[in-house]
Amino acid sequence: MRFALLGNIRKPADYVSDKSNVLEFYIPEVKIDRNDDIAVRDKILSITPAERKRLNINKSTLWYMQKAIKDRKRIKIYTKKV
């Protein structure tokens, strides 16, 4: 990723200084593995206090997860080992 950024920074400079006649940017394909799809995010946002207690989720944990979702940040979801 770092090299793609460096190459894209050089291209406008080369174009402006007439070292290149073409201005094309390289955008690498990035694969992101996530376990927090939209359905899970919606479920977390809709958890009621009674359901939170039934699921044994700490109040502050749920609050921080909901805050992260509202701030469009990634959340971590752990599976409970039995």
C-alpha atoms as a PDB file:
ATOM      1  CA  MET A   1       0.000   0.000   0.000  1.00  0.00           C
ATOM      2  CA  ARG A   2       2.829   2.353   0.856  1.00  0.00           C
ATOM      3  CA  PHE A   3       4.420   1.922  -2.568  1.00  0.00           C
ATOM      4  CA  ALA A   4       1.125   2.608  -4.342  1.00  0.00           C
ATOM      5  CA  LEU A   5       0.837   5.895  -2.458  1.00  0.00           C
ATOM      6  CA  LEU A   6       4.420   6.868  -3.229  1.00  0.00           C
ATOM      7  CA  GLY A   7       3.957   6.097  -6.928  1.00  0.00           C
ATOM      8  CA  ASN A   8       0.740   8.120  -7.073  1.00  0.00           C
ATOM      9  CA  ILE A   9       2.463  11.100  -5.451  1.00  0.00           C
ATOM     10  CA  ARG A  10       5.196  11.086  -8.074  1.00  0.00           C
ATOM     11  CA  LYS A  11       2.833  10.943 -11.070  1.00  0.00           C
ATOM     12  CA  PRO A  12       1.478  14.533 -10.799  1.00  0.00           C
ATOM     13  CA  ALA A  13       5.016  15.832 -10.315  1.00  0.00           C
ATOM     14  CA  ASP A  14       6.221  13.939 -13.393  1.00  0.00           C
ATOM     15  CA  TYR A  15       3.231  15.195 -15.391  1.00  0.00           C
ATOM     16  CA  VAL A  16       3.738  18.831 -14.367  1.00  0.00           C
ATOM     17  CA  SER A  17       7.471  18.690 -15.097  1.00  0.00           C
ATOM     18  CA  ASP A  18       6.801  17.146 -18.562  1.00  0.00           C
ATOM     19  CA  LYS A  19       8.525  13.861 -17.677  1.00  0.00           C
ATOM     20  CA  SER A  20       5.275  12.070 -18.514  1.00  0.00           C
ATOM     21  CA  ASN A  21       2.526  12.809 -21.040  1.00  0.00           C
ATOM     22  CA  VAL A  22      -0.107  10.711 -19.234  1.00  0.00           C
ATOM     23  CA  LEU A  23      -1.585  11.252 -15.787  1.00  0.00           C
ATOM     24  CA  GLU A  24      -2.914   7.914 -14.489  1.00  0.00           C
ATOM     25  CA  PHE A  25      -3.253   6.832 -10.886  1.00  0.00           C
ATOM     26  CA  TYR A  26      -2.810   3.289  -9.598  1.00  0.00           C
ATOM     27  CA  ILE A  27      -5.375   2.113  -7.075  1.00  0.00           C
ATOM     28  CA  PRO A  28      -4.557  -1.326  -5.646  1.00  0.00           C
ATOM     29  CA  GLU A  29      -7.289  -3.840  -4.974  1.00  0.00           C
ATOM     30  CA  VAL A  30      -7.755  -4.242  -1.243  1.00  0.00           C
ATOM     31  CA  LYS A  31      -9.604  -7.128   0.369  1.00  0.00           C
ATOM     32  CA  ILE A  32     -10.981  -6.502   3.836  1.00  0.00           C
ATOM     33  CA  ASP A  33     -12.192  -9.402   5.940  1.00  0.00           C
ATOM     34  CA  ARG A  34     -14.866  -8.265   8.351  1.00  0.00           C
ATOM     35  CA  ASN A  35     -17.203 -10.057  10.684  1.00  0.00           C
ATOM     36  CA  ASP A  36     -19.471  -7.092  11.366  1.00  0.00           C
ATOM     37  CA  ASP A  37     -21.890  -6.985   8.446  1.00  0.00           C
ATOM     38  CA  ILE A  38     -24.857  -4.623   8.238  1.00  0.00           C
ATOM     39  CA  ALA A  39     -27.305  -7.070   9.830  1.00  0.00           C
ATOM     40  CA  VAL A  40     -25.060  -7.506  12.886  1.00  0.00           C
ATOM     41  CA  ARG A  41     -24.559  -3.745  13.192  1.00  0.00           C
ATOM     42  CA  ASP A  42     -28.330  -3.148  13.016  1.00  0.00           C
ATOM     43  CA  LYS A  43     -28.917  -5.848  15.649  1.00  0.00           C
ATOM     44  CA  ILE A  44     -26.379  -4.257  18.027  1.00  0.00           C
ATOM     45  CA  LEU A  45     -27.988  -0.836  17.584  1.00  0.00           C
ATOM     46  CA  SER A  46     -31.432  -2.254  18.389  1.00  0.00           C
ATOM     47  CA  ILE A  47     -30.522  -4.164  21.577  1.00  0.00           C
ATOM     48  CA  THR A  48     -32.763  -3.125  24.485  1.00  0.00           C
ATOM     49  CA  PRO A  49     -31.553  -2.912  28.091  1.00  0.00           C
ATOM     50  CA  ALA A  50     -33.514  -6.056  28.982  1.00  0.00           C
ATOM     51  CA  GLU A  51     -32.020  -7.972  26.061  1.00  0.00           C
ATOM     52  CA  ARG A  52     -28.543  -6.733  26.997  1.00  0.00           C
ATOM     53  CA  LYS A  53     -28.978  -8.163  30.488  1.00  0.00           C
ATOM     54  CA  ARG A  54     -30.313 -11.456  29.122  1.00  0.00           C
ATOM     55  CA  LEU A  55     -27.274 -11.759  26.820  1.00  0.00           C
ATOM     56  CA  ASN A  56     -24.886 -10.880  29.694  1.00  0.00           C
ATOM     57  CA  ILE A  57     -23.406  -7.925  27.822  1.00  0.00           C
ATOM     58  CA  ASN A  58     -21.801  -5.261  29.964  1.00  0.00           C
ATOM     59  CA  LYS A  59     -23.571  -1.891  29.731  1.00  0.00           C
ATOM     60  CA  SER A  60     -20.386   0.001  28.839  1.00  0.00           C
ATOM     61  CA  THR A  61     -19.393  -2.616  26.249  1.00  0.00           C
ATOM     62  CA  LEU A  62     -22.695  -2.196  24.443  1.00  0.00           C
ATOM     63  CA  TRP A  63     -22.462   1.591  24.704  1.00  0.00           C
ATOM     64  CA  TYR A  64     -18.973   1.648  23.142  1.00  0.00           C
ATOM     65  CA  MET A  65     -20.009  -0.758  20.378  1.00  0.00           C
ATOM     66  CA  GLN A  66     -23.045   1.376  19.547  1.00  0.00           C
ATOM     67  CA  LYS A  67     -20.912   4.526  19.606  1.00  0.00           C
ATOM     68  CA  ALA A  68     -18.371   2.946  17.227  1.00  0.00           C
ATOM     69  CA  ILE A  69     -21.153   1.941  14.839  1.00  0.00           C
ATOM     70  CA  LYS A  70     -22.620   5.446  14.879  1.00  0.00           C
ATOM     71  CA  ASP A  71     -19.134   6.895  14.248  1.00  0.00           C
ATOM     72  CA  ARG A  72     -18.758   4.466  11.302  1.00  0.00           C
ATOM     73  CA  LYS A  73     -15.820   2.689  12.902  1.00  0.00           C
ATOM     74  CA  ARG A  74     -15.040  -0.997  12.845  1.00  0.00           C
ATOM     75  CA  ILE A  75     -16.197  -3.060  15.794  1.00  0.00           C
ATOM     76  CA  LYS A  76     -14.755  -6.299  17.111  1.00  0.00           C
ATOM     77  CA  ILE A  77     -17.087  -9.202  17.651  1.00  0.00           C
ATOM     78  CA  TYR A  78     -15.923 -12.112  19.736  1.00  0.00           C
ATOM     79  CA  THR A  79     -17.508 -15.524  19.882  1.00  0.00           C
ATOM     80  CA  LYS A  80     -18.093 -17.040  23.270  1.00  0.00           C
ATOM     81  CA  LYS A  81     -16.213 -20.291  23.807  1.00  0.00           C
ATOM     82  CA  VAL A  82     -18.226 -22.931  25.595  1.00  0.00           C
END
